[in-house]
C-alpha atoms as a PDB file:
ATOM      1  CA  MET A   1      -1.494 -83.831-108.779  1.00  0.00           C
ATOM      2  CA  ALA A   2      -3.973 -86.436-109.990  1.00  0.00           C
ATOM      3  CA  GLU A   3      -4.893 -89.313-107.702  1.00  0.00           C
ATOM      4  CA  ARG A   4      -7.318 -92.198-107.962  1.00  0.00           C
ATOM      5  CA  ASP A   5     -10.086 -93.240-105.637  1.00  0.00           C
ATOM      6  CA  ARG A   6     -10.984 -96.799-104.640  1.00  0.00           C
ATOM      7  CA  LEU A   7     -12.818 -97.385-107.916  1.00  0.00           C
ATOM      8  CA  GLY A   8      -9.947 -96.112-110.011  1.00  0.00           C
ATOM      9  CA  ARG A   9     -11.483 -92.753-110.933  1.00  0.00           C
ATOM     10  CA  LYS A  10      -9.162 -89.773-111.315  1.00  0.00           C
ATOM     11  CA  THR A  11      -9.364 -87.071-108.692  1.00  0.00           C
ATOM     12  CA  THR A  12      -7.310 -83.981-107.901  1.00  0.00           C
ATOM     13  CA  ALA A  13      -6.434 -82.593-104.495  1.00  0.00           C
ATOM     14  CA  GLY A  14      -7.414 -79.072-105.559  1.00  0.00           C
ATOM     15  CA  GLY A  15     -10.730 -80.182-107.009  1.00  0.00           C
ATOM     16  CA  ALA A  16     -11.574 -82.209-103.912  1.00  0.00           C
ATOM     17  CA  TRP A  17     -10.696 -79.271-101.654  1.00  0.00           C
ATOM     18  CA  ALA A  18     -12.862 -76.877-103.683  1.00  0.00           C
ATOM     19  CA  THR A  19     -15.774 -79.316-103.652  1.00  0.00           C
ATOM     20  CA  ARG A  20     -15.563 -79.774 -99.891  1.00  0.00           C
ATOM     21  CA  THR A  21     -15.365 -76.033 -99.338  1.00  0.00           C
ATOM     22  CA  VAL A  22     -18.447 -75.324-101.453  1.00  0.00           C
ATOM     23  CA  PHE A  23     -20.317 -78.173 -99.795  1.00  0.00           C
ATOM     24  CA  GLY A  24     -19.371 -76.922 -96.331  1.00  0.00           C
ATOM     25  CA  VAL A  25     -20.519 -73.374 -97.092  1.00  0.00           C
ATOM     26  CA  LEU A  26     -23.857 -74.561 -98.532  1.00  0.00           C
ATOM     27  CA  LEU A  27     -24.423 -76.924 -95.614  1.00  0.00           C
ATOM     28  CA  LEU A  28     -23.712 -74.190 -93.088  1.00  0.00           C
ATOM     29  CA  ALA A  29     -26.059 -71.823 -94.935  1.00  0.00           C
ATOM     30  CA  ALA A  30     -28.807 -74.478 -94.940  1.00  0.00           C
ATOM     31  CA  PHE A  31     -28.548 -74.929 -91.171  1.00  0.00           C
ATOM     32  CA  LEU A  32     -28.615 -71.167 -90.576  1.00  0.00           C
ATOM     33  CA  VAL A  33     -31.640 -70.428 -92.786  1.00  0.00           C
ATOM     34  CA  PRO A  34     -34.267 -70.657 -89.968  1.00  0.00           C
ATOM     35  CA  LEU A  35     -32.285 -68.050 -88.028  1.00  0.00           C
ATOM     36  CA  ALA A  36     -32.525 -65.545 -90.883  1.00  0.00           C
ATOM     37  CA  LEU A  37     -35.874 -66.415 -92.478  1.00  0.00           C
ATOM     38  CA  ARG A  38     -39.320 -67.148 -91.130  1.00  0.00           C
ATOM     39  CA  GLY A  39     -42.603 -68.759 -92.103  1.00  0.00           C
ATOM     40  CA  TYR A  40     -43.079 -68.974 -95.861  1.00  0.00           C
ATOM     41  CA  TRP A  41     -39.435 -69.466 -96.866  1.00  0.00           C
ATOM     42  CA  VAL A  42     -38.759 -72.060 -94.176  1.00  0.00           C
ATOM     43  CA  ARG A  43     -41.805 -74.082 -95.270  1.00  0.00           C
ATOM     44  CA  LEU A  44     -40.843 -73.723 -98.929  1.00  0.00           C
ATOM     45  CA  LEU A  45     -37.305 -74.978 -98.354  1.00  0.00           C
ATOM     46  CA  ALA A  46     -38.578 -77.831 -96.168  1.00  0.00           C
ATOM     47  CA  ASN A  47     -40.775 -78.825 -99.112  1.00  0.00           C
ATOM     48  CA  VAL A  48     -37.737 -78.640-101.423  1.00  0.00           C
ATOM     49  CA  PHE A  49     -35.832 -80.968 -99.084  1.00  0.00           C
ATOM     50  CA  MET A  50     -38.771 -83.381 -99.019  1.00  0.00           C
ATOM     51  CA  PHE A  51     -38.811 -83.587-102.808  1.00  0.00           C
ATOM     52  CA  GLY A  52     -35.034 -83.966-102.700  1.00  0.00           C
ATOM     53  CA  ILE A  53     -35.561 -87.106-100.584  1.00  0.00           C
ATOM     54  CA  LEU A  54     -38.207 -88.439-102.960  1.00  0.00           C
ATOM     55  CA  ALA A  55     -36.065 -87.749-106.031  1.00  0.00           C
ATOM     56  CA  GLN A  56     -33.087 -89.446-104.380  1.00  0.00           C
ATOM     57  CA  GLY A  57     -35.295 -92.448-103.630  1.00  0.00           C
ATOM     58  CA  VAL A  58     -36.192 -92.754-107.302  1.00  0.00           C
ATOM     59  CA  ASN A  59     -32.535 -92.186-108.181  1.00  0.00           C
ATOM     60  CA  ILE A  60     -31.463 -95.363-106.389  1.00  0.00           C
ATOM     61  CA  ILE A  61     -33.829 -97.695-108.237  1.00  0.00           C
ATOM     62  CA  ALA A  62     -34.107 -95.817-111.557  1.00  0.00           C
ATOM     63  CA  GLY A  63     -30.940 -93.738-111.848  1.00  0.00           C
ATOM     64  CA  TYR A  64     -28.557 -96.460-110.710  1.00  0.00           C
ATOM     65  CA  CYS A  65     -30.396 -99.704-111.530  1.00  0.00           C
ATOM     66  CA  GLY A  66     -32.389 -98.488-114.542  1.00  0.00           C
ATOM     67  CA  TYR A  67     -35.780 -99.645-113.243  1.00  0.00           C
ATOM     68  CA  LEU A  68     -38.427 -96.982-113.865  1.00  0.00           C
ATOM     69  CA  ALA A  69     -40.317 -96.952-110.566  1.00  0.00           C
ATOM     70  CA  LEU A  70     -42.841 -94.284-111.480  1.00  0.00           C
ATOM     71  CA  GLY A  71     -45.162 -95.501-108.731  1.00  0.00           C
ATOM     72  CA  ASN A  72     -42.678 -94.894-105.905  1.00  0.00           C
ATOM     73  CA  ILE A  73     -45.291 -92.662-104.275  1.00  0.00           C
ATOM     74  CA  LEU A  74     -46.624 -95.998-102.967  1.00  0.00           C
ATOM     75  CA  PHE A  75     -44.005 -95.967-100.188  1.00  0.00           C
ATOM     76  CA  PHE A  76     -44.612 -92.312 -99.417  1.00  0.00           C
ATOM     77  CA  GLY A  77     -48.291 -93.046 -98.785  1.00  0.00           C
ATOM     78  CA  LEU A  78     -47.491 -96.228 -96.902  1.00  0.00           C
ATOM     79  CA  GLY A  79     -45.075 -94.391 -94.603  1.00  0.00           C
ATOM     80  CA  ALA A  80     -47.628 -91.636 -94.027  1.00  0.00           C
ATOM     81  CA  TYR A  81     -50.391 -94.072 -93.084  1.00  0.00           C
ATOM     82  CA  VAL A  82     -48.226 -96.234 -90.820  1.00  0.00           C
ATOM     83  CA  THR A  83     -47.375 -93.109 -88.831  1.00  0.00           C
ATOM     84  CA  ALA A  84     -50.967 -91.831 -88.843  1.00  0.00           C
ATOM     85  CA  VAL A  85     -52.487 -95.131 -87.703  1.00  0.00           C
ATOM     86  CA  LEU A  86     -49.899 -95.743 -84.981  1.00  0.00           C
ATOM     87  CA  MET A  87     -50.144 -92.235 -83.556  1.00  0.00           C
ATOM     88  CA  THR A  88     -53.916 -91.862 -83.858  1.00  0.00           C
ATOM     89  CA  HIS A  89     -55.166 -95.285 -82.749  1.00  0.00           C
ATOM     90  CA  PHE A  90     -52.337 -96.588 -80.558  1.00  0.00           C
ATOM     91  CA  GLY A  91     -50.860 -93.426 -79.069  1.00  0.00           C
ATOM     92  CA  VAL A  92     -47.373 -94.249 -80.348  1.00  0.00           C
ATOM     93  CA  PRO A  93     -44.930 -91.303 -80.144  1.00  0.00           C
ATOM     94  CA  PHE A  94     -43.694 -89.870 -83.422  1.00  0.00           C
ATOM     95  CA  PRO A  95     -40.075 -91.168 -83.232  1.00  0.00           C
ATOM     96  CA  VAL A  96     -41.325 -94.763 -82.887  1.00  0.00           C
ATOM     97  CA  ALA A  97     -43.955 -94.302 -85.610  1.00  0.00           C
ATOM     98  CA  PHE A  98     -41.312 -92.697 -87.832  1.00  0.00           C
ATOM     99  CA  ALA A  99     -39.001 -95.711 -87.477  1.00  0.00           C
ATOM    100  CA  ALA A 100     -41.906 -98.102 -88.046  1.00  0.00           C
ATOM    101  CA  SER A 101     -42.837 -96.279 -91.261  1.00  0.00           C
ATOM    102  CA  GLY A 102     -39.395 -96.835 -92.735  1.00  0.00           C
ATOM    103  CA  ALA A 103     -39.333-100.460 -91.595  1.00  0.00           C
ATOM    104  CA  GLY A 104     -42.818-101.092 -92.989  1.00  0.00           C
ATOM    105  CA  ALA A 105     -41.874 -99.626 -96.363  1.00  0.00           C
ATOM    106  CA  VAL A 106     -38.728-101.784 -96.529  1.00  0.00           C
ATOM    107  CA  ILE A 107     -40.573-104.991 -95.601  1.00  0.00           C
ATOM    108  CA  PHE A 108     -43.308-104.306 -98.140  1.00  0.00           C
ATOM    109  CA  SER A 109     -40.881-103.399-100.935  1.00  0.00           C
ATOM    110  CA  ALA A 110     -38.666-106.427-100.284  1.00  0.00           C
ATOM    111  CA  GLY A 111     -41.655-108.768-100.302  1.00  0.00           C
ATOM    112  CA  ILE A 112     -43.388-107.385-103.367  1.00  0.00           C
ATOM    113  CA  GLY A 113     -40.054-106.755-105.105  1.00  0.00           C
ATOM    114  CA  LEU A 114     -39.336-110.474-105.313  1.00  0.00           C
ATOM    115  CA  LEU A 115     -42.356-110.699-107.604  1.00  0.00           C
ATOM    116  CA  ILE A 116     -42.513-107.565-109.742  1.00  0.00           C
ATOM    117  CA  LEU A 117     -38.763-106.930-110.082  1.00  0.00           C
ATOM    118  CA  ARG A 118     -38.794-109.821-112.532  1.00  0.00           C
ATOM    119  CA  LEU A 119     -40.518-107.397-114.901  1.00  0.00           C
ATOM    120  CA  LYS A 120     -38.502-104.968-117.008  1.00  0.00           C
ATOM    121  CA  GLY A 121     -38.947-101.660-118.797  1.00  0.00           C
ATOM    122  CA  GLN A 122     -42.458-100.383-119.292  1.00  0.00           C
ATOM    123  CA  TYR A 123     -43.935-103.504-117.656  1.00  0.00           C
ATOM    124  CA  PHE A 124     -42.217-102.726-114.350  1.00  0.00           C
ATOM    125  CA  LEU A 125     -43.272 -99.080-114.672  1.00  0.00           C
ATOM    126  CA  MET A 126     -46.916-100.064-115.165  1.00  0.00           C
ATOM    127  CA  ALA A 127     -46.732-102.562-112.310  1.00  0.00           C
ATOM    128  CA  THR A 128     -45.514 -99.891-109.860  1.00  0.00           C
ATOM    129  CA  LEU A 129     -48.274 -97.533-110.945  1.00  0.00           C
ATOM    130  CA  ALA A 130     -50.846-100.316-110.543  1.00  0.00           C
ATOM    131  CA  LEU A 131     -49.519-101.125-107.063  1.00  0.00           C
ATOM    132  CA  SER A 132     -49.837 -97.497-106.037  1.00  0.00           C
ATOM    133  CA  GLU A 133     -53.441 -97.321-107.234  1.00  0.00           C
ATOM    134  CA  LEU A 134     -54.240-100.665-105.597  1.00  0.00           C
ATOM    135  CA  MET A 135     -52.817 -99.497-102.281  1.00  0.00           C
ATOM    136  CA  ARG A 136     -54.876 -96.305-102.471  1.00  0.00           C
ATOM    137  CA  GLU A 137     -58.050 -98.339-102.973  1.00  0.00           C
ATOM    138  CA  VAL A 138     -57.175-100.672-100.094  1.00  0.00           C
ATOM    139  CA  ILE A 139     -56.461 -97.743 -97.749  1.00  0.00           C
ATOM    140  CA  SER A 140     -59.711 -96.066 -98.829  1.00  0.00           C
ATOM    141  CA  SER A 141     -61.735 -99.127 -97.841  1.00  0.00           C
ATOM    142  CA  LEU A 142     -60.310 -99.760 -94.362  1.00  0.00           C
ATOM    143  CA  ASP A 143     -61.901 -98.384 -91.195  1.00  0.00           C
ATOM    144  CA  ILE A 144     -58.616 -98.178 -89.290  1.00  0.00           C
ATOM    145  CA  THR A 145     -57.229 -95.771 -91.886  1.00  0.00           C
ATOM    146  CA  GLY A 146     -60.338 -93.608 -91.876  1.00  0.00           C
ATOM    147  CA  GLY A 147     -61.280 -94.738 -95.376  1.00  0.00           C
ATOM    148  CA  GLY A 148     -61.725 -91.945 -97.866  1.00  0.00           C
ATOM    149  CA  ARG A 149     -62.190 -89.445 -95.031  1.00  0.00           C
ATOM    150  CA  GLY A 150     -58.561 -89.731 -93.984  1.00  0.00           C
ATOM    151  CA  LEU A 151     -57.011 -89.376 -90.543  1.00  0.00           C
ATOM    152  CA  THR A 152     -56.218 -86.431 -88.304  1.00  0.00           C
ATOM    153  CA  LEU A 153     -52.939 -86.851 -86.425  1.00  0.00           C
ATOM    154  CA  PRO A 154     -52.113 -85.514 -82.939  1.00  0.00           C
ATOM    155  CA  MET A 155     -50.930 -81.930 -83.150  1.00  0.00           C
ATOM    156  CA  PHE A 156     -47.264 -81.048 -82.866  1.00  0.00           C
ATOM    157  CA  THR A 157     -46.904 -78.982 -79.698  1.00  0.00           C
ATOM    158  CA  GLY A 158     -45.337 -75.546 -80.021  1.00  0.00           C
ATOM    159  CA  GLY A 159     -45.769 -72.336 -81.940  1.00  0.00           C
ATOM    160  CA  ALA A 160     -45.758 -71.961 -85.706  1.00  0.00           C
ATOM    161  CA  ALA A 161     -42.055 -71.095 -85.808  1.00  0.00           C
ATOM    162  CA  THR A 162     -41.171 -74.139 -83.710  1.00  0.00           C
ATOM    163  CA  VAL A 163     -43.194 -76.447 -85.948  1.00  0.00           C
ATOM    164  CA  ASN A 164     -41.697 -75.016 -89.144  1.00  0.00           C
ATOM    165  CA  ASN A 165     -38.148 -75.236 -87.808  1.00  0.00           C
ATOM    166  CA  PHE A 166     -38.587 -78.817 -86.575  1.00  0.00           C
ATOM    167  CA  PHE A 167     -39.789 -80.136 -89.911  1.00  0.00           C
ATOM    168  CA  TYR A 168     -37.280 -77.990 -91.789  1.00  0.00           C
ATOM    169  CA  TYR A 169     -34.394 -79.634 -89.956  1.00  0.00           C
ATOM    170  CA  LEU A 170     -36.000 -83.074 -90.101  1.00  0.00           C
ATOM    171  CA  MET A 171     -36.375 -82.894 -93.902  1.00  0.00           C
ATOM    172  CA  LEU A 172     -32.876 -81.443 -94.275  1.00  0.00           C
ATOM    173  CA  LEU A 173     -31.291 -84.207 -92.198  1.00  0.00           C
ATOM    174  CA  LEU A 174     -33.259 -86.877 -94.039  1.00  0.00           C
ATOM    175  CA  MET A 175     -32.137 -85.502 -97.395  1.00  0.00           C
ATOM    176  CA  LEU A 176     -28.517 -85.391 -96.250  1.00  0.00           C
ATOM    177  CA  ALA A 177     -28.733 -88.938 -94.880  1.00  0.00           C
ATOM    178  CA  CYS A 178     -30.213 -90.211 -98.139  1.00  0.00           C
ATOM    179  CA  THR A 179     -27.575 -88.381-100.185  1.00  0.00           C
ATOM    180  CA  PHE A 180     -24.784 -89.709 -97.982  1.00  0.00           C
ATOM    181  CA  CYS A 181     -26.156 -93.229 -98.450  1.00  0.00           C
ATOM    182  CA  ILE A 182     -26.077 -92.745-102.237  1.00  0.00           C
ATOM    183  CA  TRP A 183     -22.521 -91.368-101.981  1.00  0.00           C
ATOM    184  CA  LEU A 184     -21.462 -94.550-100.180  1.00  0.00           C
ATOM    185  CA  ILE A 185     -23.248 -96.696-102.762  1.00  0.00           C
ATOM    186  CA  ASP A 186     -21.651 -94.791-105.628  1.00  0.00           C
ATOM    187  CA  ARG A 187     -18.170 -95.525-104.253  1.00  0.00           C
ATOM    188  CA  SER A 188     -18.779 -99.202-103.469  1.00  0.00           C
ATOM    189  CA  TYR A 189     -19.080-102.532-105.226  1.00  0.00           C
ATOM    190  CA  LEU A 190     -22.826-102.310-104.645  1.00  0.00           C
ATOM    191  CA  GLY A 191     -22.944 -99.202-106.837  1.00  0.00           C
ATOM    192  CA  LEU A 192     -20.933-100.930-109.553  1.00  0.00           C
ATOM    193  CA  ALA A 193     -23.365-103.852-109.453  1.00  0.00           C
ATOM    194  CA  PHE A 194     -26.330-101.471-109.758  1.00  0.00           C
ATOM    195  CA  LYS A 195     -24.753 -99.747-112.767  1.00  0.00           C
ATOM    196  CA  ALA A 196     -23.922-103.083-114.398  1.00  0.00           C
ATOM    197  CA  ILE A 197     -27.569-104.139-114.072  1.00  0.00           C
ATOM    198  CA  LYS A 198     -28.657-100.828-115.592  1.00  0.00           C
ATOM    199  CA  PHE A 199     -26.239-101.154-118.515  1.00  0.00           C
ATOM    200  CA  ASP A 200     -27.024-104.799-119.357  1.00  0.00           C
ATOM    201  CA  GLU A 201     -28.680-107.126-116.875  1.00  0.00           C
ATOM    202  CA  ASP A 202     -27.918-110.262-118.846  1.00  0.00           C
ATOM    203  CA  ALA A 203     -24.248-109.329-119.195  1.00  0.00           C
ATOM    204  CA  ALA A 204     -24.103-108.605-115.468  1.00  0.00           C
ATOM    205  CA  SER A 205     -25.427-112.107-114.774  1.00  0.00           C
ATOM    206  CA  VAL A 206     -22.739-113.631-116.973  1.00  0.00           C
ATOM    207  CA  MET A 207     -20.090-111.671-115.057  1.00  0.00           C
ATOM    208  CA  GLY A 208     -21.204-113.202-111.757  1.00  0.00           C
ATOM    209  CA  ILE A 209     -23.668-110.576-110.523  1.00  0.00           C
ATOM    210  CA  ASN A 210     -26.963-112.087-109.383  1.00  0.00           C
ATOM    211  CA  PRO A 211     -29.467-109.285-110.264  1.00  0.00           C
ATOM    212  CA  PRO A 212     -32.525-110.180-108.072  1.00  0.00           C
ATOM    213  CA  PRO A 213     -30.888-109.546-104.654  1.00  0.00           C
ATOM    214  CA  TYR A 214     -29.272-106.319-105.881  1.00  0.00           C
ATOM    215  CA  LYS A 215     -32.506-105.024-107.418  1.00  0.00           C
ATOM    216  CA  THR A 216     -34.415-105.892-104.257  1.00  0.00           C
ATOM    217  CA  ALA A 217     -31.788-104.110-102.143  1.00  0.00           C
ATOM    218  CA  ALA A 218     -31.990-101.007-104.358  1.00  0.00           C
ATOM    219  CA  TRP A 219     -35.773-100.853-104.087  1.00  0.00           C
ATOM    220  CA  ALA A 220     -35.635-101.463-100.333  1.00  0.00           C
ATOM    221  CA  ILE A 221     -33.211 -98.568 -99.801  1.00  0.00           C
ATOM    222  CA  SER A 222     -35.355 -96.400-102.067  1.00  0.00           C
ATOM    223  CA  SER A 223     -38.504 -97.299-100.123  1.00  0.00           C
ATOM    224  CA  LEU A 224     -36.816 -96.672 -96.751  1.00  0.00           C
ATOM    225  CA  PHE A 225     -36.173 -92.979 -97.361  1.00  0.00           C
ATOM    226  CA  THR A 226     -39.432 -92.504 -99.267  1.00  0.00           C
ATOM    227  CA  GLY A 227     -41.324 -94.009 -96.324  1.00  0.00           C
ATOM    228  CA  PHE A 228     -39.474 -91.724 -93.907  1.00  0.00           C
ATOM    229  CA  ALA A 229     -40.464 -88.712 -96.033  1.00  0.00           C
ATOM    230  CA  GLY A 230     -44.106 -89.834 -95.989  1.00  0.00           C
ATOM    231  CA  SER A 231     -44.011 -90.213 -92.203  1.00  0.00           C
ATOM    232  CA  ALA A 232     -42.583 -86.715 -91.699  1.00  0.00           C
ATOM    233  CA  PHE A 233     -45.096 -85.252 -94.163  1.00  0.00           C
ATOM    234  CA  ALA A 234     -48.062 -86.822 -92.351  1.00  0.00           C
ATOM    235  CA  TYR A 235     -47.055 -85.422 -88.967  1.00  0.00           C
ATOM    236  CA  TRP A 236     -46.191 -82.054 -90.534  1.00  0.00           C
ATOM    237  CA  MET A 237     -49.570 -81.677 -92.241  1.00  0.00           C
ATOM    238  CA  GLY A 238     -51.557 -83.102 -89.296  1.00  0.00           C
ATOM    239  CA  TYR A 239     -54.102 -84.613 -91.668  1.00  0.00           C
ATOM    240  CA  ILE A 240     -53.831 -87.063 -94.585  1.00  0.00           C
ATOM    241  CA  ASP A 241     -56.186 -88.831 -96.948  1.00  0.00           C
ATOM    242  CA  PRO A 242     -55.564 -91.349 -99.769  1.00  0.00           C
ATOM    243  CA  GLY A 243     -56.047 -88.738-102.488  1.00  0.00           C
ATOM    244  CA  VAL A 244     -53.176 -86.648-101.114  1.00  0.00           C
ATOM    245  CA  VAL A 245     -50.467 -89.170-100.215  1.00  0.00           C
ATOM    246  CA  PHE A 246     -51.044 -91.503-103.187  1.00  0.00           C
ATOM    247  CA  GLU A 247     -51.468 -88.798-105.825  1.00  0.00           C
ATOM    248  CA  ILE A 248     -49.622 -89.604-109.060  1.00  0.00           C
ATOM    249  CA  THR A 249     -48.418 -86.036-109.719  1.00  0.00           C
ATOM    250  CA  PRO A 250     -45.591 -86.129-107.138  1.00  0.00           C
ATOM    251  CA  SER A 251     -44.371 -89.400-108.694  1.00  0.00           C
ATOM    252  CA  ILE A 252     -43.961 -87.694-112.038  1.00  0.00           C
ATOM    253  CA  LYS A 253     -42.433 -84.664-110.353  1.00  0.00           C
ATOM    254  CA  MET A 254     -39.785 -86.601-108.418  1.00  0.00           C
ATOM    255  CA  TYR A 255     -38.840 -88.557-111.544  1.00  0.00           C
ATOM    256  CA  LEU A 256     -38.514 -85.324-113.519  1.00  0.00           C
ATOM    257  CA  MET A 257     -36.327 -83.855-110.771  1.00  0.00           C
ATOM    258  CA  MET A 258     -34.007 -86.840-110.940  1.00  0.00           C
ATOM    259  CA  VAL A 259     -33.653 -86.676-114.716  1.00  0.00           C
ATOM    260  CA  LEU A 260     -33.231 -82.905-114.800  1.00  0.00           C
ATOM    261  CA  GLY A 261     -30.604 -82.891-112.064  1.00  0.00           C
ATOM    262  CA  GLY A 262     -28.749 -85.929-113.348  1.00  0.00           C
ATOM    263  CA  ALA A 263     -29.892 -89.550-113.066  1.00  0.00           C
ATOM    264  CA  GLY A 264     -27.320 -91.825-111.484  1.00  0.00           C
ATOM    265  CA  THR A 265     -25.420 -88.970-109.807  1.00  0.00           C
ATOM    266  CA  VAL A 266     -25.054 -88.242-106.103  1.00  0.00           C
ATOM    267  CA  TRP A 267     -26.276 -84.626-105.996  1.00  0.00           C
ATOM    268  CA  GLY A 268     -28.266 -84.437-109.241  1.00  0.00           C
ATOM    269  CA  PRO A 269     -31.740 -85.177-107.805  1.00  0.00           C
ATOM    270  CA  VAL A 270     -31.214 -82.597-105.049  1.00  0.00           C
ATOM    271  CA  ALA A 271     -30.239 -79.974-107.644  1.00  0.00           C
ATOM    272  CA  GLY A 272     -33.277 -80.936-109.725  1.00  0.00           C
ATOM    273  CA  ALA A 273     -35.609 -80.640-106.722  1.00  0.00           C
ATOM    274  CA  LEU A 274     -34.234 -77.217-105.822  1.00  0.00           C
ATOM    275  CA  PHE A 275     -34.469 -75.971-109.404  1.00  0.00           C
ATOM    276  CA  ILE A 276     -37.984 -77.213-110.174  1.00  0.00           C
ATOM    277  CA  GLU A 277     -39.532 -76.239-106.833  1.00  0.00           C
ATOM    278  CA  LEU A 278     -38.090 -72.720-106.830  1.00  0.00           C
ATOM    279  CA  VAL A 279     -38.930 -72.099-110.491  1.00  0.00           C
ATOM    280  CA  SER A 280     -42.466 -73.438-109.974  1.00  0.00           C
ATOM    281  CA  GLU A 281     -42.977 -71.280-106.898  1.00  0.00           C
ATOM    282  CA  LEU A 282     -41.687 -68.178-108.654  1.00  0.00           C
ATOM    283  CA  ALA A 283     -43.892 -68.774-111.687  1.00  0.00           C
ATOM    284  CA  TRP A 284     -46.934 -69.443-109.485  1.00  0.00           C
ATOM    285  CA  SER A 285     -46.458 -66.306-107.363  1.00  0.00           C
ATOM    286  CA  ARG A 286     -45.648 -63.897-110.199  1.00  0.00           C
ATOM    287  CA  PHE A 287     -47.301 -65.321-113.340  1.00  0.00           C
ATOM    288  CA  MET A 288     -50.124 -67.566-112.150  1.00  0.00           C
ATOM    289  CA  GLU A 289     -51.957 -67.663-115.508  1.00  0.00           C
ATOM    290  CA  TYR A 290     -48.814 -68.691-117.374  1.00  0.00           C
ATOM    291  CA  GLN A 291     -47.305 -70.891-114.662  1.00  0.00           C
ATOM    292  CA  PHE A 292     -47.244 -74.180-116.573  1.00  0.00           C
ATOM    293  CA  LEU A 293     -46.140 -72.520-119.809  1.00  0.00           C
ATOM    294  CA  ILE A 294     -43.189 -70.838-118.085  1.00  0.00           C
ATOM    295  CA  VAL A 295     -42.130 -73.905-116.091  1.00  0.00           C
ATOM    296  CA  GLY A 296     -42.473 -76.183-119.112  1.00  0.00           C
ATOM    297  CA  SER A 297     -40.460 -73.859-121.342  1.00  0.00           C
ATOM    298  CA  ILE A 298     -37.666 -73.540-118.773  1.00  0.00           C
ATOM    299  CA  LEU A 299     -37.517 -77.308-118.316  1.00  0.00           C
ATOM    300  CA  ILE A 300     -37.309 -77.896-122.077  1.00  0.00           C
ATOM    301  CA  LEU A 301     -34.525 -75.326-122.490  1.00  0.00           C
ATOM    302  CA  THR A 302     -32.658 -76.748-119.508  1.00  0.00           C
ATOM    303  CA  CYS A 303     -32.821 -80.254-120.940  1.00  0.00           C
ATOM    304  CA  LEU A 304     -31.549 -78.943-124.287  1.00  0.00           C
ATOM    305  CA  PHE A 305     -28.600 -77.232-122.663  1.00  0.00           C
ATOM    306  CA  THR A 306     -27.875 -80.080-120.244  1.00  0.00           C
ATOM    307  CA  PRO A 307     -29.059 -83.389-121.732  1.00  0.00           C
ATOM    308  CA  LYS A 308     -27.225 -85.307-118.997  1.00  0.00           C
ATOM    309  CA  GLY A 309     -28.633 -83.191-116.195  1.00  0.00           C
ATOM    310  CA  LEU A 310     -27.656 -80.079-114.290  1.00  0.00           C
ATOM    311  CA  MET A 311     -24.726 -81.816-112.591  1.00  0.00           C
ATOM    312  CA  ASP A 312     -23.148 -82.341-116.005  1.00  0.00           C
ATOM    313  CA  LEU A 313     -22.467 -78.593-116.048  1.00  0.00           C
ATOM    314  CA  VAL A 314     -20.301 -78.802-112.935  1.00  0.00           C
ATOM    315  CA  GLY A 315     -16.741 -78.132-113.976  1.00  0.00           C
ATOM    316  CA  LYS A 316     -17.779 -77.210-117.529  1.00  0.00           C
ATOM    317  CA  LYS A 317     -17.866 -73.842-119.204  1.00  0.00           C
ATOM    318  CA  PHE A 318     -21.331 -72.936-120.432  1.00  0.00           C
ATOM    319  CA  THR A 319     -20.933 -72.283-124.156  1.00  0.00           C
ATOM    320  CA  TRP A 320     -22.990 -72.266-127.303  1.00  0.00           C
ATOM    321  CA  SER A 321     -21.199 -75.440-128.405  1.00  0.00           C
ATOM    322  CA  LEU A 322     -22.594 -77.188-125.313  1.00  0.00           C
ATOM    323  CA  PHE A 323     -26.084 -76.143-126.372  1.00  0.00           C
ATOM    324  CA  THR A 324     -25.622 -77.393-129.953  1.00  0.00           C
ATOM    325  CA  LYS A 325     -24.108 -80.638-128.625  1.00  0.00           C
ATOM    326  CA  GLY A 326     -27.223 -81.142-126.504  1.00  0.00           C
ATOM    327  CA  ILE A 327     -29.427 -80.668-129.570  1.00  0.00           C
ATOM    328  CA  ARG A 328     -27.381 -83.186-131.571  1.00  0.00           C
ATOM    329  CA  GLU A 329     -27.398 -85.774-128.771  1.00  0.00           C
ATOM    330  CA  ASN A 330     -31.166 -85.494-128.446  1.00  0.00           C
ATOM    331  CA  LYS A 331     -31.550 -85.514-132.238  1.00  0.00           C
ATOM    332  CA  ILE A 332     -33.815 -82.482-132.185  1.00  0.00           C
END
């Protein structure tokens, strides 16, 4: 029997039960992985979860609000350096440094957002990229951050298995927390306001939605989880430098994961992160010389089959007509 949720969307008891069952099985499997696997696979999946966090961060500001924050790596680097500086120079324990990294990213994003969130489209995109490059230059010139030499963090105590398992569960819990936050947003008035701004900001203003506070809130939430991911990454690696944590490639990668999985969906960015990271790893390990050709071809075919993202296939039968529809929608 069909029911409706708080936002008036149709749901079915059977569909909800099936979704919860699948989610429960996958969640249980994720928590049991370190008991069955060791070393390489645990680190690989922890990396997948980290990119899931980053893609979800972009999803909040770009997928829901429509603001292309291609320079979101700014908050990743900021979170990493807040943790590194606090632990290295002030002896702050990781939990405190971790919390400070998220808080620092939120404060910075809220402050700078009041200025650059007035920009739209490609101008906002370029501004975020410029901010990321500017922050890298600033970090590279400061003595407290180690300049271009970087910083070495205190070592995590314990054996290799202990270290891998700790950061595996930390990244997993962070990804789940970020996804749960997006699930709450998606079902709330805040999510409706974000989507209205994405659809037509001027029309949203006419309807009584004041865009600046909502856009600032979206970027602050995005920066919070991105900063947390940067903090965990810094402690995990034990060493960071500006060239690593402010590199532009992960920015492009996390944006691609969001689009491939399904921008503006709850689980899409996670699916995109899992797909791209596993495909990339497989291509690198088996066909190193043709890695980029294989990954690029698979991504193109996936986008043709699923122009709205991988999550658009959920509940649909994969048919040739779906493929031809994707070609027509993309006008290829």
